[in-house]
C-alpha atoms as a PDB file:
ATOM      1  CA  MET A   1       0.000   0.000   0.000  1.00  0.00           C
ATOM      2  CA  PHE A   2       2.836   2.380   0.841  1.00  0.00           C
ATOM      3  CA  ASN A   3       4.387   1.783  -2.586  1.00  0.00           C
ATOM      4  CA  ALA A   4       1.075   2.669  -4.231  1.00  0.00           C
ATOM      5  CA  LEU A   5       1.024   5.933  -2.270  1.00  0.00           C
ATOM      6  CA  GLU A   6       4.524   6.744  -3.495  1.00  0.00           C
ATOM      7  CA  VAL A   7       3.621   6.010  -7.116  1.00  0.00           C
ATOM      8  CA  VAL A   8       0.349   7.966  -7.022  1.00  0.00           C
ATOM      9  CA  THR A   9       2.108  10.928  -5.409  1.00  0.00           C
ATOM     10  CA  ILE A  10       4.897  10.909  -7.997  1.00  0.00           C
ATOM     11  CA  VAL A  11       2.403  10.685 -10.872  1.00  0.00           C
ATOM     12  CA  VAL A  12       0.115  13.441  -9.551  1.00  0.00           C
ATOM     13  CA  ILE A  13       3.005  15.827  -8.853  1.00  0.00           C
ATOM     14  CA  GLY A  14       4.814  14.886 -12.049  1.00  0.00           C
ATOM     15  CA  MET A  15       1.736  15.749 -14.088  1.00  0.00           C
ATOM     16  CA  MET A  16       1.372  19.051 -12.220  1.00  0.00           C
ATOM     17  CA  VAL A  17       5.002  19.888 -12.905  1.00  0.00           C
ATOM     18  CA  GLY A  18       4.479  19.048 -16.577  1.00  0.00           C
ATOM     19  CA  VAL A  19       1.453  21.328 -16.865  1.00  0.00           C
ATOM     20  CA  GLU A  20       3.154  24.221 -15.088  1.00  0.00           C
ATOM     21  CA  PHE A  21       6.351  23.731 -17.097  1.00  0.00           C
ATOM     22  CA  SER A  22       4.415  23.757 -20.361  1.00  0.00           C
ATOM     23  CA  VAL A  23       2.547  26.916 -19.343  1.00  0.00           C
ATOM     24  CA  ALA A  24       5.860  28.655 -18.627  1.00  0.00           C
ATOM     25  CA  PHE A  25       7.936  27.448 -21.547  1.00  0.00           C
ATOM     26  CA  VAL A  26       5.462  26.439 -24.271  1.00  0.00           C
ATOM     27  CA  ILE A  27       1.949  27.866 -23.948  1.00  0.00           C
ATOM     28  CA  ASN A  28       2.702  31.419 -22.806  1.00  0.00           C
ATOM     29  CA  PRO A  29       5.524  31.936 -25.337  1.00  0.00           C
ATOM     30  CA  ILE A  30       3.172  30.744 -28.091  1.00  0.00           C
ATOM     31  CA  LEU A  31       0.402  33.052 -26.860  1.00  0.00           C
ATOM     32  CA  ASN A  32       2.814  35.979 -26.539  1.00  0.00           C
ATOM     33  CA  GLY A  33       3.790  35.524 -30.191  1.00  0.00           C
ATOM     34  CA  LEU A  34       0.243  35.699 -31.554  1.00  0.00           C
ATOM     35  CA  PRO A  35      -0.807  38.859 -33.388  1.00  0.00           C
ATOM     36  CA  GLY A  36      -3.193  41.406 -31.960  1.00  0.00           C
ATOM     37  CA  ASP A  37      -5.109  40.525 -28.832  1.00  0.00           C
ATOM     38  CA  ASN A  38      -5.228  36.794 -29.540  1.00  0.00           C
ATOM     39  CA  GLY A  39      -2.489  36.015 -27.021  1.00  0.00           C
ATOM     40  CA  LEU A  40      -4.253  38.041 -24.354  1.00  0.00           C
ATOM     41  CA  ARG A  41      -7.492  36.181 -25.041  1.00  0.00           C
ATOM     42  CA  GLY A  42      -5.665  32.869 -24.659  1.00  0.00           C
ATOM     43  CA  ARG A  43      -4.004  33.943 -21.428  1.00  0.00           C
ATOM     44  CA  THR A  44      -7.253  35.189 -19.872  1.00  0.00           C
ATOM     45  CA  HIS A  45      -9.002  31.957 -20.832  1.00  0.00           C
ATOM     46  CA  GLY A  46      -6.099  29.977 -19.374  1.00  0.00           C
ATOM     47  CA  ALA A  47      -6.263  32.059 -16.198  1.00  0.00           C
ATOM     48  CA  ARG A  48      -9.923  31.145 -15.775  1.00  0.00           C
ATOM     49  CA  MET A  49      -9.519  27.470 -16.660  1.00  0.00           C
ATOM     50  CA  LEU A  50      -6.291  26.665 -14.817  1.00  0.00           C
ATOM     51  CA  GLY A  51      -7.189  29.054 -12.005  1.00  0.00           C
ATOM     52  CA  ALA A  52     -10.144  26.787 -11.253  1.00  0.00           C
ATOM     53  CA  VAL A  53      -8.175  23.516 -11.384  1.00  0.00           C
ATOM     54  CA  MET A  54      -4.715  24.228 -10.036  1.00  0.00           C
ATOM     55  CA  PRO A  55      -5.635  25.066  -6.412  1.00  0.00           C
ATOM     56  CA  PHE A  56      -7.084  21.568  -5.990  1.00  0.00           C
ATOM     57  CA  TRP A  57      -4.083  20.013  -7.720  1.00  0.00           C
ATOM     58  CA  TYR A  58      -1.581  21.850  -5.486  1.00  0.00           C
ATOM     59  CA  ILE A  59      -3.471  21.016  -2.293  1.00  0.00           C
ATOM     60  CA  THR A  60      -3.935  17.362  -3.330  1.00  0.00           C
ATOM     61  CA  SER A  61      -0.213  17.129  -4.069  1.00  0.00           C
ATOM     62  CA  LEU A  62       0.655  18.596  -0.699  1.00  0.00           C
ATOM     63  CA  VAL A  63      -1.733  16.235   1.112  1.00  0.00           C
ATOM     64  CA  LEU A  64      -0.272  13.213  -0.693  1.00  0.00           C
ATOM     65  CA  VAL A  65       3.263  14.242   0.266  1.00  0.00           C
ATOM     66  CA  ALA A  66       2.200  14.835   3.872  1.00  0.00           C
ATOM     67  CA  VAL A  67       0.617  11.374   4.021  1.00  0.00           C
ATOM     68  CA  TRP A  68       3.784   9.899   2.477  1.00  0.00           C
ATOM     69  CA  ALA A  69       5.941  11.651   5.092  1.00  0.00           C
ATOM     70  CA  ILE A  70       3.762  10.481   7.964  1.00  0.00           C
ATOM     71  CA  ALA A  71       3.245   6.922   6.714  1.00  0.00           C
ATOM     72  CA  GLY A  72       6.909   6.531   5.843  1.00  0.00           C
ATOM     73  CA  TRP A  73       8.368   8.345   8.834  1.00  0.00           C
ATOM     74  CA  HIS A  74      10.807   5.517   9.578  1.00  0.00           C
ATOM     75  CA  HIS A  75      11.635   4.765   5.942  1.00  0.00           C
ATOM     76  CA  HIS A  76      14.781   5.804   4.158  1.00  0.00           C
ATOM     77  CA  GLY A  77      14.355   9.148   2.375  1.00  0.00           C
ATOM     78  CA  THR A  78      11.818  10.717   4.728  1.00  0.00           C
ATOM     79  CA  GLY A  79      13.972  13.825   5.063  1.00  0.00           C
ATOM     80  CA  LEU A  80      13.729  14.299   1.301  1.00  0.00           C
ATOM     81  CA  VAL A  81       9.948  13.884   1.432  1.00  0.00           C
ATOM     82  CA  VAL A  82       9.639  16.434   4.249  1.00  0.00           C
ATOM     83  CA  THR A  83      11.823  18.878   2.316  1.00  0.00           C
ATOM     84  CA  ALA A  84       9.648  18.321  -0.772  1.00  0.00           C
ATOM     85  CA  ALA A  85       6.582  19.076   1.366  1.00  0.00           C
ATOM     86  CA  ALA A  86       8.196  22.310   2.538  1.00  0.00           C
ATOM     87  CA  LEU A  87       8.858  23.290  -1.080  1.00  0.00           C
ATOM     88  CA  LEU A  88       5.256  22.529  -2.015  1.00  0.00           C
ATOM     89  CA  ILE A  89       4.088  24.688   0.900  1.00  0.00           C
ATOM     90  CA  LEU A  90       6.348  27.442  -0.424  1.00  0.00           C
ATOM     91  CA  SER A  91       4.790  27.045  -3.888  1.00  0.00           C
ATOM     92  CA  VAL A  92       1.284  27.395  -2.414  1.00  0.00           C
ATOM     93  CA  ILE A  93       2.312  30.495  -0.446  1.00  0.00           C
ATOM     94  CA  MET A  94       3.909  31.982  -3.566  1.00  0.00           C
ATOM     95  CA  SER A  95       0.756  31.236  -5.521  1.00  0.00           C
ATOM     96  CA  LEU A  96      -1.527  32.867  -2.973  1.00  0.00           C
ATOM     97  CA  LEU A  97       0.602  35.945  -2.374  1.00  0.00           C
ATOM     98  CA  LEU A  98       2.131  36.604  -5.797  1.00  0.00           C
ATOM     99  CA  LEU A  99       0.405  34.806  -8.656  1.00  0.00           C
ATOM    100  CA  VAL A 100      -3.281  34.529  -7.712  1.00  0.00           C
ATOM    101  CA  PRO A 101      -3.810  38.292  -7.303  1.00  0.00           C
ATOM    102  CA  ILE A 102      -2.479  38.927 -10.820  1.00  0.00           C
ATOM    103  CA  ASN A 103      -4.394  35.930 -12.162  1.00  0.00           C
ATOM    104  CA  ASN A 104      -7.643  37.148 -10.592  1.00  0.00           C
ATOM    105  CA  ARG A 105      -7.245  40.536 -12.249  1.00  0.00           C
ATOM    106  CA  SER A 106      -6.183  39.197 -15.634  1.00  0.00           C
ATOM    107  CA  LYS A 107      -8.974  36.661 -16.031  1.00  0.00           C
ATOM    108  CA  THR A 108     -11.503  39.478 -16.281  1.00  0.00           C
ATOM    109  CA  TRP A 109      -9.619  41.572 -18.835  1.00  0.00           C
ATOM    110  CA  THR A 110     -10.943  42.212 -22.298  1.00  0.00           C
ATOM    111  CA  THR A 111      -9.354  44.301 -25.036  1.00  0.00           C
ATOM    112  CA  ASP A 112     -11.818  47.071 -24.142  1.00  0.00           C
ATOM    113  CA  ASP A 113     -10.821  47.414 -20.493  1.00  0.00           C
ATOM    114  CA  LEU A 114      -7.112  46.624 -20.295  1.00  0.00           C
ATOM    115  CA  PRO A 115      -5.141  48.416 -17.608  1.00  0.00           C
ATOM    116  CA  ALA A 116      -2.268  50.547 -18.883  1.00  0.00           C
ATOM    117  CA  ASP A 117       0.279  48.230 -17.253  1.00  0.00           C
ATOM    118  CA  TRP A 118      -1.231  44.912 -18.400  1.00  0.00           C
ATOM    119  CA  LYS A 119       1.942  43.762 -20.171  1.00  0.00           C
ATOM    120  CA  GLU A 120       4.012  44.560 -17.096  1.00  0.00           C
ATOM    121  CA  GLN A 121       1.566  42.553 -14.957  1.00  0.00           C
ATOM    122  CA  MET A 122       1.789  39.594 -17.368  1.00  0.00           C
ATOM    123  CA  ASN A 123       5.595  39.779 -17.313  1.00  0.00           C
ATOM    124  CA  ARG A 124       5.562  39.901 -13.498  1.00  0.00           C
ATOM    125  CA  TRP A 125       3.258  36.861 -13.404  1.00  0.00           C
ATOM    126  CA  ASP A 126       5.599  35.025 -15.785  1.00  0.00           C
ATOM    127  CA  ARG A 127       8.661  35.786 -13.636  1.00  0.00           C
ATOM    128  CA  PHE A 128       6.923  34.587 -10.457  1.00  0.00           C
ATOM    129  CA  HIS A 129       5.694  31.516 -12.325  1.00  0.00           C
ATOM    130  CA  TYR A 130       9.250  30.629 -13.459  1.00  0.00           C
ATOM    131  CA  VAL A 131      10.338  30.630  -9.809  1.00  0.00           C
ATOM    132  CA  ARG A 132       7.318  28.540  -8.781  1.00  0.00           C
ATOM    133  CA  VAL A 133       8.089  26.032 -11.544  1.00  0.00           C
ATOM    134  CA  ALA A 134      11.665  25.740 -10.274  1.00  0.00           C
ATOM    135  CA  VAL A 135      10.358  25.148  -6.744  1.00  0.00           C
ATOM    136  CA  ILE A 136       7.937  22.387  -7.755  1.00  0.00           C
ATOM    137  CA  ILE A 137      10.541  20.753 -10.007  1.00  0.00           C
ATOM    138  CA  ALA A 138      12.885  20.656  -7.008  1.00  0.00           C
ATOM    139  CA  ALA A 139      10.108  19.105  -4.874  1.00  0.00           C
ATOM    140  CA  PHE A 140       9.421  16.518  -7.578  1.00  0.00           C
ATOM    141  CA  ALA A 141      13.127  15.667  -7.882  1.00  0.00           C
ATOM    142  CA  LEU A 142      13.393  15.201  -4.110  1.00  0.00           C
ATOM    143  CA  LEU A 143      10.427  12.836  -4.123  1.00  0.00           C
ATOM    144  CA  VAL A 144      11.925  10.762  -6.928  1.00  0.00           C
ATOM    145  CA  ALA A 145      15.243  10.694  -5.049  1.00  0.00           C
ATOM    146  CA  ALA A 146      13.416   9.524  -1.906  1.00  0.00           C
ATOM    147  CA  LEU A 147      12.406   6.366  -3.782  1.00  0.00           C
ATOM    148  CA  THR A 148      16.015   5.230  -4.163  1.00  0.00           C
END
């Protein structure tokens, strides 16, 4: 049963890392390269869609890692799992304090009511997102290392 928990946790977090990585390094660069307001439309739609899903995914990931740490407290690699949990907590805090406020504003934007600094806000969101991606990749790598 413990092995199943490890596998499910790795898969759930690995998929989350993949989605967030693709947003940072594939989707947003594609959207930024589109002509006119098409990229903005894509980003606002993504903010609504992923903004609804990702909070559950992050919390589920954190719960799975917490259960892994508790259930495997006396197993080899628990320190790595606890460190991964701390990084996931950091990613949630970053999301709530830095990314969600920008996301909440941007998901309501249309080309008729854009704030003057909308590009700056998108660039700020991207920079914070790059850091968050690095944090969750590090957490994922620690969890994989804890398996060995």
